[in-house]
Structures are given as C-alpha cells and as structure tokens.
Amino acid sequence: MAKDNNIRALVLESITEADREETTISQSMQETLRKYQYFSKQERSFYTRLCQGTVENRLLLDYLLDQVSSKPMRRCKPYIRNLLRMSLYQLRFMNGVPESAVCNEAVKLAEKKGYVSLKGFVNGVLRNLIRRQDHLSLPMREEQPVEYLSVMYSVPEWLVREFIRWYGRELTEEMLAAFLQEAPLTVRINQARGSKKEILEQLNAEGIQCRNGCYTENTLRLTGINYVGRMKPFREGLVTVQDESSVLQGFLIHPLPGARILDLCAAPGGKALYAAERLLEVEAGEKNKAGGPEPGFVLAQDISEAKLKRIRENAERMKYPNVRIKQWDARKPQEELFQTMDIVIADLPCSGLGVIGRKPDIKYRLSKKQINELVSLQRDILRLAGQYVKPGGYLIYSTCTLDPAENQEQIRWMQETYPFTSVSIEQMLPKSLTEQLEGQPGTELEKGYCTLLPGWQSCDGFFLAVLKKDSIENEVETWISGQ
C-alpha cells in the first residue's frame, strides 16, 4: 500500500461523503483516482472494491453490526458508522485481509479523525464481530421475503416491493443479485478511425485483456487496466467507454445521408457520438457524388455546460466533425427546430434503477415521490421532443431504469396522445439479443420496445424504444390538443 496515503482513510472519506449525500460514490471515487493516478494497480483495486462494496452492501452491514454493537448504527456518528461498515466489509468479503490488520487500522483511523474516546467502542465491536461471525443471522427467507431481500441485497423495503410488483419475486431476486456482481468495463470501438483487429493489437500490446461484447461486434470488455486515461487507444480516440446497453440504442438509429439528428439530453455523450459515427458511415459513400445532400449533423444538447465540455472533448478526441454542441434546457421549447429533425434521441432523466450495480447509492436516495416527479418531467420533455421530429421521422426513447411507468407506459402515452406509431425493432437488434428477449417482461419487439434486465442480459438495465411520426395535416392543432 502507498506509504504517503492511507488507502483506508481515503475510502472512509469517500463513503462518508456519499453517506451524507455531498456527492455520489461514483463521483467521489473518480475524483480520488484522478488525484492519485500514481497508485499501483493493487492500490486502485483495493480502494475501488472497498468503496464500492461498502456502499452497495450498506443495509446488510448495518443489520449485522446491530447484532454485536451496544449502540444501533443509525445513532453512531457518521465517521464511526462508516468506519465499522468498511471494516465489516473487509472481514466478511475480503478474505485476503488479515483480521488483525482490519481492527488495528480501524482503531488508528478513529484516533486520526479525533474520536479517541471511541477507540475502545470500535475495537470492541470489531472483536465481537470476529468472535460471533458464524452466529450472525439474516431475516427468514420464506417467512420474511421482503425483509430478507432488503437486507440480503441492501435495497430499501419499499423498493423491493416495487420490484416484486413489476417483475415477481423470483426475477426480482435475480436482478438484485446481479446488481452486486462486478460490472465489466466496456468500450466501443471507433470504427470511423480503425479496424477492430488493429485496435485489439494495440490494447493487447499494453497488457490489456480483451473479450468481445456479448451482443455487439463493435464493443470489447477489458480487464487488466490500471487507468483508462493511460491507454493509448483511448487517448487517440480509437475507443470510448460505453456500456453495451447504451451501444445497443445506437442500433435503432438508421440515418440517411444528410440526416439532422437531435440528442435532447446528451450527457455524458455516448449516444450522440455513436449516432455521429453511424451518420459518418452512411455519408462516406456520398462524398464524391455531385448533387447529393449537404452533410448531416448531430446536435448534442444538455443543460449542464460542464457536461457539454466533456462531450466536446470526446468528440474532438474521437474526431467526429459532425457533432454540434448547445447548452439548452430540454423543458424549454425551440420553435425554430419544430418539425426539422429526422431523428430525435430522447434519453431522458430517470430513476436509474437499471444501473444500481454501477451507482449503488441510487437505491438509498430514491423515493416514490421522486419517481412520480420524474415521470412528469419525462412527459414535459416528450411533448417537445415529438414536435421536433419531422413527419415521417423517428423518436428514439431510452432510459436506464426498470420502472414500467417511466418506460413502456410513456410509449403508450405518446401513442395515445400524439401522432406516433410503433416500429418493430426485432430486425434492428442483434439476433443473439432478440432470442434472449423473447417472452421477457417489459419487452414487445413488434411494438417497438424492449427492457434489458440485469441478470438476464449481460449489460446494464436499460429500456429502448422507437416511434415513427405520422404524416398528417393540422399537426399544430394535434399537439396543442394533446397538451
């Protein structure tokens, strides 16, 4: 471990910031790893696993700690509570860490943080854990199914009930278990810059192990990485980090030369950039044709200038000249864009229930009221998104949640309220995926949508849909009446 920096102290700071909701654990980890780029692969791995594991197992850790502590975890000071959580995680899940090291380092950290009077308490709780670890209990699986799933997979009980209502108990447990599995690092190959074979050779030369994506030919799953920014293929724009679920959304985009594409909520930019690449591909054969259409473009919009800066940097790194950037609030109309876009990408703000595996603190911060507010926000944006689409154009809707109210119910509402019809997506998606999706909850390919489920699909949870705008008269009156 690093001599100048106590890794456990950094973990404690990160998880306490996330616990206080000062930041997310993902953001805190990214900032720490960026600051300490010189960490060895072993140090980065220890820090990452302990941060991620402690946060994603928070409810389980508290349940077990309460069985051996004289004071309930909810009444402990934040630093002490998180110190005990991360210590228990090491004892229970990290077999290579000696018990004595866990206890000694925890006591030192308590003193370092100014809690000298609580050193004995910390030491006593951890010693009790070690003595009684074979006698700690969980809720009864059959007699207390909701409480069992809540504790076992660290998901609040209200959310467990929602998952069971949507998908049933058996499938719910499969998805909750999948959230606790380590998520792979997936990159999309920039096919406008190089071949898969060439990029594979470069990655292998850096000692990076590569596996093909599960469904898509233009993705790779990487292991053996210390820091993504150090990879030469990444720095040169030959690959970009993007989960396969997000890449699959790009399979629904089939632009013609000269297409005008709008991405309403573009951050972090993966979908807009892949749309730009697909547009470049179809226009490649048009360059030398006389009288052809003007080159098309992708207009990437977002409310956050900081996030747009990242999109701009990635577009330049990957050399996509057809990406335009604009800061805009998707809730505000842009009348100059009404009925001008061939394709509108609406990857909208959502509850994020499909990416709990990557962003574990989502499950602790979310409430039913917030989900209802998000459904309303999505509809506000969809009302405008539909107006930007030309008659005969396409609306590509996606979320990273598993909530039907944010997914297929929004598609149903759009079709009932506005002049859109469903488009079968069965032939658009890879056959290896469509075969898996057959009969799956939340999926009707012929009606233009599917839900990717963690544990069933080898990617993040995701919802994908395509709608085509009808060519009708009195378009404005239709939209007004729909509002």
Protein backbone atom coordinates (compact mmCIF):
# COMPACT_ATOMS: atom_id res chain seq x y z
CA MET A 1 0.00 0.00 0.00
CA ALA A 2 1.02 3.59 -0.57
CA LYS A 3 3.24 4.95 2.20
CA ASP A 4 2.20 8.56 1.86
CA ASN A 5 -1.53 7.93 1.72
CA ASN A 6 -3.59 5.63 3.88
CA ILE A 7 -5.92 3.91 1.40
CA ARG A 8 -8.43 3.14 4.13
CA ALA A 9 -8.54 6.81 5.12
CA LEU A 10 -9.40 7.72 1.52
CA VAL A 11 -12.12 5.07 1.48
CA LEU A 12 -13.56 6.44 4.71
CA GLU A 13 -13.67 9.96 3.29
CA SER A 14 -15.33 8.79 0.06
CA ILE A 15 -18.05 6.67 1.64
CA THR A 16 -18.81 9.33 4.28
CA GLU A 17 -19.22 11.99 1.60
CA ALA A 18 -21.62 9.67 -0.21
CA ASP A 19 -23.45 8.79 3.02
CA ARG A 20 -24.02 12.49 3.70
CA GLU A 21 -25.16 12.89 0.06
CA GLU A 22 -22.48 15.51 -0.53
CA THR A 23 -21.63 13.60 -3.72
CA THR A 24 -22.22 10.16 -5.21
CA ILE A 25 -19.81 7.35 -4.50
CA SER A 26 -19.03 7.12 -8.23
CA GLN A 27 -18.09 10.80 -8.41
CA SER A 28 -16.02 10.62 -5.24
CA MET A 29 -14.16 7.54 -6.48
CA GLN A 30 -13.47 9.12 -9.86
CA GLU A 31 -12.09 12.27 -8.25
CA THR A 32 -9.88 10.31 -5.84
CA LEU A 33 -8.48 8.02 -8.53
CA ARG A 34 -7.84 11.02 -10.78
CA LYS A 35 -5.97 12.74 -7.96
CA TYR A 36 -3.88 9.67 -7.13
CA GLN A 37 -3.11 8.42 -10.63
CA TYR A 38 0.24 7.13 -9.42
CA PHE A 39 -1.42 4.42 -7.31
CA SER A 40 -0.41 0.92 -8.28
CA LYS A 41 -2.97 -1.43 -9.80
CA GLN A 42 -3.22 -3.22 -6.43
CA GLU A 43 -3.86 0.02 -4.55
CA ARG A 44 -6.50 1.19 -7.02
CA SER A 45 -8.18 -2.21 -6.85
CA PHE A 46 -8.25 -2.22 -3.03
CA TYR A 47 -9.63 1.32 -2.87
CA THR A 48 -12.27 0.67 -5.54
CA ARG A 49 -13.51 -2.61 -4.14
CA LEU A 50 -13.71 -1.37 -0.56
CA CYS A 51 -15.57 1.82 -1.55
CA GLN A 52 -17.99 0.12 -3.92
CA GLY A 53 -18.54 -2.92 -1.73
CA THR A 54 -19.17 -0.97 1.46
CA VAL A 55 -21.73 1.30 -0.16
CA GLU A 56 -23.60 -1.35 -2.14
CA ASN A 57 -23.89 -3.60 0.97
CA ARG A 58 -24.77 -0.82 3.40
CA LEU A 59 -28.07 -2.24 4.72
CA LEU A 60 -26.63 -5.73 5.17
CA LEU A 61 -23.61 -4.35 7.03
CA ASP A 62 -25.79 -2.28 9.37
CA TYR A 63 -28.08 -5.25 10.05
CA LEU A 64 -25.12 -7.41 11.06
CA LEU A 65 -23.38 -4.67 13.05
CA ASP A 66 -26.53 -4.01 15.07
CA GLN A 67 -26.35 -7.61 16.32
CA VAL A 68 -22.99 -7.04 18.04
CA SER A 69 -22.99 -3.32 18.86
CA SER A 70 -24.28 -1.76 22.06
CA LYS A 71 -25.42 1.24 20.01
CA PRO A 72 -27.53 0.99 16.80
CA MET A 73 -25.66 2.08 13.69
CA ARG A 74 -28.21 4.80 12.94
CA ARG A 75 -27.23 6.53 16.21
CA CYS A 76 -23.47 6.39 15.61
CA LYS A 77 -21.50 9.36 14.33
CA PRO A 78 -21.12 9.22 10.51
CA TYR A 79 -17.36 8.57 10.56
CA ILE A 80 -17.66 5.83 13.17
CA ARG A 81 -20.61 4.21 11.41
CA ASN A 82 -18.78 4.14 8.10
CA LEU A 83 -15.55 3.01 9.71
CA LEU A 84 -17.39 0.00 11.16
CA ARG A 85 -19.14 -0.68 7.85
CA MET A 86 -15.93 -0.73 5.83
CA SER A 87 -14.21 -2.85 8.49
CA LEU A 88 -17.00 -5.43 8.47
CA TYR A 89 -16.91 -5.50 4.68
CA GLN A 90 -13.22 -6.39 4.81
CA LEU A 91 -13.84 -9.10 7.41
CA ARG A 92 -16.78 -10.64 5.58
CA PHE A 93 -15.95 -10.19 1.90
CA MET A 94 -12.19 -9.64 1.53
CA ASN A 95 -10.59 -12.89 2.63
CA GLY A 96 -7.05 -11.78 1.89
CA VAL A 97 -7.13 -9.02 4.52
CA PRO A 98 -5.93 -10.19 7.99
CA GLU A 99 -8.43 -9.69 10.83
CA SER A 100 -5.76 -8.06 12.99
CA ALA A 101 -4.99 -5.51 10.27
CA VAL A 102 -8.67 -4.59 9.95
CA CYS A 103 -9.03 -3.99 13.70
CA ASN A 104 -5.74 -2.15 14.16
CA GLU A 105 -6.26 0.14 11.18
CA ALA A 106 -9.82 0.93 12.27
CA VAL A 107 -8.68 1.97 15.75
CA LYS A 108 -5.92 4.13 14.24
CA LEU A 109 -8.41 5.80 11.88
CA ALA A 110 -10.80 6.54 14.75
CA GLU A 111 -7.96 8.27 16.60
CA LYS A 112 -6.81 10.09 13.46
CA LYS A 113 -10.32 11.50 12.96
CA GLY A 114 -10.37 12.82 16.53
CA TYR A 115 -12.53 10.11 18.11
CA VAL A 116 -10.01 8.99 20.73
CA SER A 117 -12.80 8.31 23.24
CA LEU A 118 -14.45 5.89 20.79
CA LYS A 119 -11.38 3.75 20.07
CA GLY A 120 -12.50 1.18 22.65
CA PHE A 121 -16.01 1.08 21.18
CA VAL A 122 -14.67 0.49 17.64
CA ASN A 123 -12.26 -2.19 18.84
CA GLY A 124 -14.96 -3.90 20.92
CA VAL A 125 -17.49 -4.05 18.07
CA LEU A 126 -14.95 -5.49 15.66
CA ARG A 127 -13.69 -8.06 18.18
CA ASN A 128 -17.31 -9.11 18.77
CA LEU A 129 -17.78 -9.47 15.02
CA ILE A 130 -14.77 -11.72 14.73
CA ARG A 131 -15.88 -13.91 17.67
CA ARG A 132 -19.53 -14.14 16.60
CA GLN A 133 -19.31 -14.01 12.79
CA ASP A 134 -20.53 -17.62 12.47
CA HIS A 135 -23.61 -16.83 14.57
CA LEU A 136 -24.86 -13.69 12.84
CA SER A 137 -28.33 -14.13 11.35
CA LEU A 138 -30.42 -12.82 8.46
CA PRO A 139 -34.22 -12.46 8.15
CA MET A 140 -36.01 -15.71 7.29
CA ARG A 141 -36.14 -16.10 3.52
CA GLU A 142 -39.61 -17.65 3.26
CA GLU A 143 -41.29 -16.16 6.33
CA GLN A 144 -39.98 -12.61 5.73
CA PRO A 145 -39.37 -12.41 1.95
CA VAL A 146 -39.37 -8.61 1.60
CA GLU A 147 -37.17 -8.03 4.65
CA TYR A 148 -34.86 -10.85 3.56
CA LEU A 149 -34.37 -9.42 0.06
CA SER A 150 -33.96 -5.93 1.50
CA VAL A 151 -31.19 -6.97 3.90
CA MET A 152 -29.51 -9.60 1.73
CA TYR A 153 -29.15 -7.27 -1.27
CA SER A 154 -29.20 -3.91 0.59
CA VAL A 155 -32.26 -2.47 -1.13
CA PRO A 156 -34.87 -0.48 0.85
CA GLU A 157 -38.05 -2.45 1.53
CA TRP A 158 -40.33 -0.08 -0.39
CA LEU A 159 -38.19 -0.55 -3.49
CA VAL A 160 -38.14 -4.34 -3.07
CA ARG A 161 -41.95 -4.27 -3.04
CA GLU A 162 -41.97 -2.22 -6.23
CA PHE A 163 -39.63 -4.64 -7.99
CA ILE A 164 -41.79 -7.59 -6.91
CA ARG A 165 -44.91 -5.80 -8.16
CA TRP A 166 -43.26 -5.18 -11.53
CA TYR A 167 -41.39 -8.45 -12.06
CA GLY A 168 -42.33 -11.01 -9.41
CA ARG A 169 -40.24 -12.33 -6.54
CA GLU A 170 -38.01 -14.77 -8.43
CA LEU A 171 -36.94 -12.37 -11.16
CA THR A 172 -36.54 -9.58 -8.61
CA GLU A 173 -34.02 -11.62 -6.64
CA GLU A 174 -32.08 -12.46 -9.81
CA MET A 175 -31.80 -8.75 -10.67
CA LEU A 176 -30.89 -7.69 -7.13
CA ALA A 177 -28.17 -10.34 -7.06
CA ALA A 178 -26.89 -9.14 -10.45
CA PHE A 179 -26.50 -5.61 -9.08
CA LEU A 180 -23.91 -6.92 -6.63
CA GLN A 181 -21.77 -8.50 -9.34
CA GLU A 182 -18.75 -6.56 -10.58
CA ALA A 183 -19.73 -4.58 -13.67
CA PRO A 184 -17.33 -5.00 -16.62
CA LEU A 185 -15.52 -2.11 -18.25
CA THR A 186 -16.86 -2.00 -21.79
CA VAL A 187 -15.52 0.16 -24.60
CA ARG A 188 -16.98 0.91 -28.01
CA ILE A 189 -14.62 0.79 -30.98
CA ASN A 190 -14.49 3.92 -33.12
CA GLN A 191 -14.96 2.21 -36.48
CA ALA A 192 -14.50 5.50 -38.28
CA ARG A 193 -10.85 5.51 -37.15
CA GLY A 194 -9.64 1.92 -37.24
CA SER A 195 -10.45 -1.75 -37.54
CA LYS A 196 -11.25 -3.97 -34.58
CA LYS A 197 -8.20 -6.11 -35.32
CA GLU A 198 -5.83 -3.13 -35.25
CA ILE A 199 -7.29 -1.79 -32.02
CA LEU A 200 -7.16 -5.21 -30.38
CA GLU A 201 -3.47 -5.47 -31.23
CA GLN A 202 -2.78 -2.11 -29.59
CA LEU A 203 -4.71 -3.00 -26.44
CA ASN A 204 -3.01 -6.37 -26.14
CA ALA A 205 0.39 -4.69 -26.57
CA GLU A 206 -0.37 -2.69 -23.41
CA GLY A 207 -1.10 -5.87 -21.47
CA ILE A 208 -4.87 -5.37 -21.50
CA GLN A 209 -7.02 -8.49 -21.78
CA CYS A 210 -9.96 -8.14 -24.17
CA ARG A 211 -13.14 -10.10 -24.69
CA ASN A 212 -15.80 -9.45 -27.31
CA GLY A 213 -19.02 -7.79 -26.27
CA CYS A 214 -21.91 -10.14 -25.64
CA TYR A 215 -24.16 -8.82 -28.42
CA THR A 216 -22.31 -6.21 -30.47
CA GLU A 217 -19.28 -6.58 -32.74
CA ASN A 218 -18.03 -3.07 -32.03
CA THR A 219 -17.60 -3.48 -28.27
CA LEU A 220 -14.89 -5.02 -26.08
CA ARG A 221 -14.82 -5.94 -22.41
CA LEU A 222 -11.48 -5.07 -20.83
CA THR A 223 -9.57 -6.34 -17.82
CA GLY A 224 -6.05 -5.65 -16.60
CA ILE A 225 -6.49 -1.87 -16.69
CA ASN A 226 -4.90 0.49 -14.23
CA TYR A 227 -6.23 3.81 -15.51
CA VAL A 228 -8.33 4.26 -18.67
CA GLY A 229 -6.77 7.61 -19.49
CA ARG A 230 -3.36 5.98 -19.84
CA MET A 231 -4.49 3.65 -22.64
CA LYS A 232 -3.08 4.86 -25.93
CA PRO A 233 -6.14 3.72 -27.96
CA PHE A 234 -8.33 5.77 -25.62
CA ARG A 235 -6.14 8.88 -25.79
CA GLU A 236 -6.11 8.65 -29.60
CA GLY A 237 -9.88 8.30 -29.81
CA LEU A 238 -9.93 4.73 -31.08
CA VAL A 239 -12.17 3.57 -28.23
CA THR A 240 -14.51 5.18 -25.73
CA VAL A 241 -16.04 3.84 -22.53
CA GLN A 242 -19.68 2.90 -23.16
CA ASP A 243 -21.78 0.07 -21.78
CA GLU A 244 -23.23 -2.34 -24.29
CA SER A 245 -26.79 -1.37 -23.37
CA SER A 246 -26.07 2.18 -24.49
CA VAL A 247 -24.38 0.95 -27.67
CA LEU A 248 -27.48 -1.11 -28.49
CA GLN A 249 -29.52 2.08 -28.50
CA GLY A 250 -27.41 3.19 -31.46
CA PHE A 251 -28.57 0.12 -33.38
CA LEU A 252 -32.01 1.73 -33.52
CA ILE A 253 -30.63 4.77 -35.35
CA HIS A 254 -30.57 4.39 -39.15
CA PRO A 255 -29.80 7.82 -40.62
CA LEU A 256 -29.86 8.66 -44.31
CA PRO A 257 -27.14 10.91 -45.80
CA GLY A 258 -27.75 14.49 -44.72
CA ALA A 259 -29.80 13.49 -41.67
CA ARG A 260 -30.40 16.01 -38.92
CA ILE A 261 -30.22 14.32 -35.52
CA LEU A 262 -31.04 15.94 -32.19
CA ASP A 263 -29.98 14.49 -28.83
CA LEU A 264 -32.02 16.39 -26.26
CA CYS A 265 -30.26 15.29 -23.04
CA ALA A 266 -26.91 14.27 -24.44
CA ALA A 267 -24.64 13.96 -21.39
CA PRO A 268 -22.44 12.04 -20.92
CA GLY A 269 -22.39 11.89 -24.73
CA GLY A 270 -22.02 8.24 -25.69
CA LYS A 271 -25.27 8.03 -27.64
CA ALA A 272 -24.77 11.31 -29.51
CA LEU A 273 -21.24 10.33 -30.51
CA TYR A 274 -22.29 6.90 -31.70
CA ALA A 275 -25.09 8.50 -33.72
CA ALA A 276 -22.46 10.78 -35.27
CA GLU A 277 -20.36 7.76 -36.22
CA ARG A 278 -23.32 5.98 -37.82
CA LEU A 279 -24.07 9.12 -39.81
CA LEU A 280 -20.45 9.35 -40.98
CA GLU A 281 -20.64 5.73 -42.14
CA VAL A 282 -23.69 6.26 -44.38
CA GLU A 283 -22.28 9.50 -45.78
CA ALA A 284 -18.86 8.03 -46.56
CA GLY A 285 -20.01 6.83 -49.99
CA GLU A 286 -21.67 10.16 -50.82
CA LYS A 287 -18.59 12.37 -50.66
CA ASN A 288 -17.77 12.28 -54.35
CA LYS A 289 -21.34 12.31 -55.66
CA ALA A 290 -22.49 15.50 -57.35
CA GLY A 291 -25.82 16.97 -56.28
CA GLY A 292 -26.00 14.92 -53.10
CA PRO A 293 -27.39 16.21 -49.82
CA GLU A 294 -25.46 18.51 -47.54
CA PRO A 295 -23.65 16.59 -44.80
CA GLY A 296 -25.85 15.88 -41.82
CA PHE A 297 -25.09 16.58 -38.17
CA VAL A 298 -25.84 15.59 -34.60
CA LEU A 299 -26.93 18.43 -32.33
CA ALA A 300 -26.00 17.42 -28.77
CA GLN A 301 -27.80 19.46 -26.13
CA ASP A 302 -27.71 19.43 -22.36
CA ILE A 303 -28.48 21.80 -19.52
CA SER A 304 -25.02 21.39 -17.95
CA GLU A 305 -22.15 23.31 -19.53
CA ALA A 306 -19.64 21.21 -17.55
CA LYS A 307 -21.07 18.03 -19.07
CA LEU A 308 -21.14 19.56 -22.54
CA LYS A 309 -17.45 20.32 -22.16
CA ARG A 310 -16.80 16.59 -21.74
CA ILE A 311 -18.87 15.80 -24.84
CA ARG A 312 -16.91 18.39 -26.82
CA GLU A 313 -13.60 16.94 -25.63
CA ASN A 314 -14.68 13.40 -26.53
CA ALA A 315 -15.95 14.46 -29.97
CA GLU A 316 -12.57 16.10 -30.66
CA ARG A 317 -10.66 13.12 -29.27
CA MET A 318 -12.61 10.70 -31.47
CA LYS A 319 -12.58 13.09 -34.44
CA TYR A 320 -16.30 13.34 -35.11
CA PRO A 321 -16.57 16.58 -37.13
CA ASN A 322 -20.37 16.38 -37.44
CA VAL A 323 -21.19 16.99 -33.76
CA ARG A 324 -22.61 20.34 -32.74
CA ILE A 325 -22.86 21.33 -29.08
CA LYS A 326 -25.52 23.54 -27.50
CA GLN A 327 -26.42 24.34 -23.90
CA TRP A 328 -30.18 24.13 -23.51
CA ASP A 329 -32.84 23.13 -21.01
CA ALA A 330 -34.87 20.35 -22.66
CA ARG A 331 -38.01 21.60 -20.89
CA LYS A 332 -37.94 24.82 -22.92
CA PRO A 333 -39.26 24.88 -26.49
CA GLN A 334 -37.10 25.70 -29.52
CA GLU A 335 -39.65 26.68 -32.10
CA GLU A 336 -37.03 27.07 -34.82
CA LEU A 337 -36.43 23.32 -34.57
CA PHE A 338 -40.08 22.25 -34.78
CA GLN A 339 -40.56 19.56 -37.45
CA THR A 340 -36.97 19.87 -38.71
CA MET A 341 -35.30 16.76 -37.26
CA ASP A 342 -35.10 13.39 -38.96
CA ILE A 343 -34.24 11.66 -35.69
CA VAL A 344 -34.67 12.85 -32.12
CA ILE A 345 -32.89 10.96 -29.34
CA ALA A 346 -34.71 11.30 -26.03
CA ASP A 347 -32.54 9.55 -23.44
CA LEU A 348 -34.29 11.20 -20.56
CA PRO A 349 -33.63 11.78 -16.86
CA CYS A 350 -34.91 8.75 -14.97
CA SER A 351 -34.72 6.92 -11.65
CA GLY A 352 -31.63 4.97 -12.80
CA LEU A 353 -32.83 1.64 -11.37
CA GLY A 354 -31.10 -0.28 -14.16
CA VAL A 355 -27.63 0.94 -13.20
CA ILE A 356 -27.71 0.33 -9.44
CA GLY A 357 -24.78 -2.02 -9.99
CA ARG A 358 -22.62 0.91 -11.11
CA LYS A 359 -24.23 3.61 -8.94
CA PRO A 360 -25.24 1.85 -5.72
CA ASP A 361 -26.25 4.93 -3.76
CA ILE A 362 -29.21 5.44 -6.13
CA LYS A 363 -31.20 2.87 -4.15
CA TYR A 364 -30.77 4.74 -0.86
CA ARG A 365 -31.59 8.22 -2.15
CA LEU A 366 -34.61 7.50 -4.32
CA SER A 367 -38.24 7.82 -3.19
CA LYS A 368 -41.59 7.00 -4.75
CA LYS A 369 -42.38 10.72 -4.86
CA GLN A 370 -39.20 11.38 -6.87
CA ILE A 371 -40.14 8.67 -9.37
CA ASN A 372 -43.55 10.27 -9.86
CA GLU A 373 -41.88 13.63 -10.42
CA LEU A 374 -39.54 12.08 -12.98
CA VAL A 375 -42.49 10.59 -14.89
CA SER A 376 -44.00 14.07 -15.08
CA LEU A 377 -40.67 15.60 -16.17
CA GLN A 378 -40.27 12.97 -18.88
CA ARG A 379 -43.68 13.83 -20.29
CA ASP A 380 -42.88 17.53 -20.32
CA ILE A 381 -39.78 16.80 -22.39
CA LEU A 382 -41.51 14.25 -24.63
CA ARG A 383 -44.18 16.82 -25.58
CA LEU A 384 -41.43 18.97 -27.03
CA ALA A 385 -39.34 16.10 -28.38
CA GLY A 386 -42.22 14.98 -30.55
CA GLN A 387 -42.61 18.43 -32.06
CA TYR A 388 -39.01 18.50 -33.22
CA VAL A 389 -39.48 15.33 -35.31
CA LYS A 390 -40.36 15.73 -38.99
CA PRO A 391 -43.44 13.90 -40.25
CA GLY A 392 -42.07 10.50 -41.18
CA GLY A 393 -39.13 10.95 -38.79
CA TYR A 394 -38.23 8.92 -35.72
CA LEU A 395 -38.21 9.39 -31.97
CA ILE A 396 -35.69 7.15 -30.14
CA TYR A 397 -36.67 6.91 -26.48
CA SER A 398 -34.47 5.32 -23.83
CA THR A 399 -33.88 5.25 -20.09
CA CYS A 400 -31.60 3.37 -17.71
CA THR A 401 -34.44 2.38 -15.40
CA LEU A 402 -36.62 -0.70 -14.95
CA ASP A 403 -39.79 1.10 -13.86
CA PRO A 404 -42.67 0.46 -16.34
CA ALA A 405 -44.17 3.88 -15.57
CA GLU A 406 -41.00 5.52 -16.92
CA ASN A 407 -40.72 3.09 -19.82
CA GLN A 408 -43.48 1.30 -21.73
CA GLU A 409 -46.22 3.39 -20.14
CA GLN A 410 -44.57 6.53 -21.54
CA ILE A 411 -44.55 4.95 -25.01
CA ARG A 412 -48.20 4.03 -24.65
CA TRP A 413 -48.99 7.59 -23.57
CA MET A 414 -47.15 9.09 -26.55
CA GLN A 415 -49.07 6.91 -29.00
CA GLU A 416 -52.41 7.66 -27.37
CA THR A 417 -51.77 11.40 -27.20
CA TYR A 418 -49.72 12.32 -30.26
CA PRO A 419 -49.36 11.17 -33.89
CA PHE A 420 -46.78 8.44 -33.39
CA THR A 421 -46.91 4.77 -34.31
CA SER A 422 -44.77 1.87 -33.16
CA VAL A 423 -41.96 0.44 -35.27
CA SER A 424 -40.88 -3.17 -34.85
CA ILE A 425 -37.28 -3.33 -33.61
CA GLU A 426 -36.82 -7.08 -33.93
CA GLN A 427 -34.71 -6.80 -37.09
CA MET A 428 -32.72 -3.81 -35.80
CA LEU A 429 -31.19 -5.57 -32.80
CA PRO A 430 -28.61 -8.40 -32.86
CA LYS A 431 -30.21 -11.83 -33.15
CA SER A 432 -28.27 -13.06 -30.11
CA LEU A 433 -30.15 -10.44 -28.09
CA THR A 434 -33.62 -10.81 -29.60
CA GLU A 435 -33.54 -14.55 -28.91
CA GLN A 436 -32.89 -13.79 -25.24
CA LEU A 437 -35.63 -11.18 -25.12
CA GLU A 438 -38.39 -13.45 -26.37
CA GLY A 439 -41.20 -13.53 -23.80
CA GLN A 440 -39.29 -11.31 -21.37
CA PRO A 441 -41.23 -8.89 -19.12
CA GLY A 442 -41.19 -5.28 -20.34
CA THR A 443 -40.47 -6.29 -23.94
CA GLU A 444 -42.64 -6.30 -27.06
CA LEU A 445 -40.28 -6.07 -30.01
CA GLU A 446 -43.06 -5.83 -32.60
CA LYS A 447 -44.47 -2.86 -30.68
CA GLY A 448 -41.12 -1.14 -30.78
CA TYR A 449 -39.67 -1.51 -27.29
CA CYS A 450 -37.65 -3.78 -25.03
CA THR A 451 -36.32 -3.83 -21.48
CA LEU A 452 -32.84 -5.18 -20.80
CA LEU A 453 -32.81 -6.84 -17.38
CA PRO A 454 -29.69 -7.29 -15.21
CA GLY A 455 -29.09 -10.97 -14.59
CA TRP A 456 -30.95 -11.91 -17.77
CA GLN A 457 -28.91 -9.75 -20.14
CA SER A 458 -25.17 -9.27 -19.80
CA CYS A 459 -25.31 -5.48 -19.56
CA ASP A 460 -26.87 -2.68 -17.57
CA GLY A 461 -30.63 -2.49 -17.12
CA PHE A 462 -32.00 -0.38 -19.95
CA PHE A 463 -35.15 0.48 -21.90
CA LEU A 464 -35.15 1.08 -25.67
CA ALA A 465 -37.99 2.19 -27.94
CA VAL A 466 -38.62 3.58 -31.43
CA LEU A 467 -41.65 5.58 -32.58
CA LYS A 468 -42.33 6.93 -36.06
CA LYS A 469 -44.15 10.22 -36.55
CA ASP A 470 -47.20 10.09 -38.77
CA SER A 471 -47.56 12.35 -41.79
CA ILE A 472 -50.81 14.15 -41.00
CA GLU A 473 -52.43 17.52 -41.54
CA ASN A 474 -53.21 20.00 -38.79
CA GLU A 475 -50.08 18.99 -36.94
CA VAL A 476 -50.03 22.02 -34.64
CA GLU A 477 -53.65 21.53 -33.59
CA THR A 478 -52.91 17.93 -32.71
CA TRP A 479 -50.05 18.88 -30.42
CA ILE A 480 -51.99 21.64 -28.74
CA SER A 481 -54.98 19.40 -28.06
CA GLY A 482 -52.60 16.76 -26.67
CA GLN A 483 -51.30 19.19 -24.10
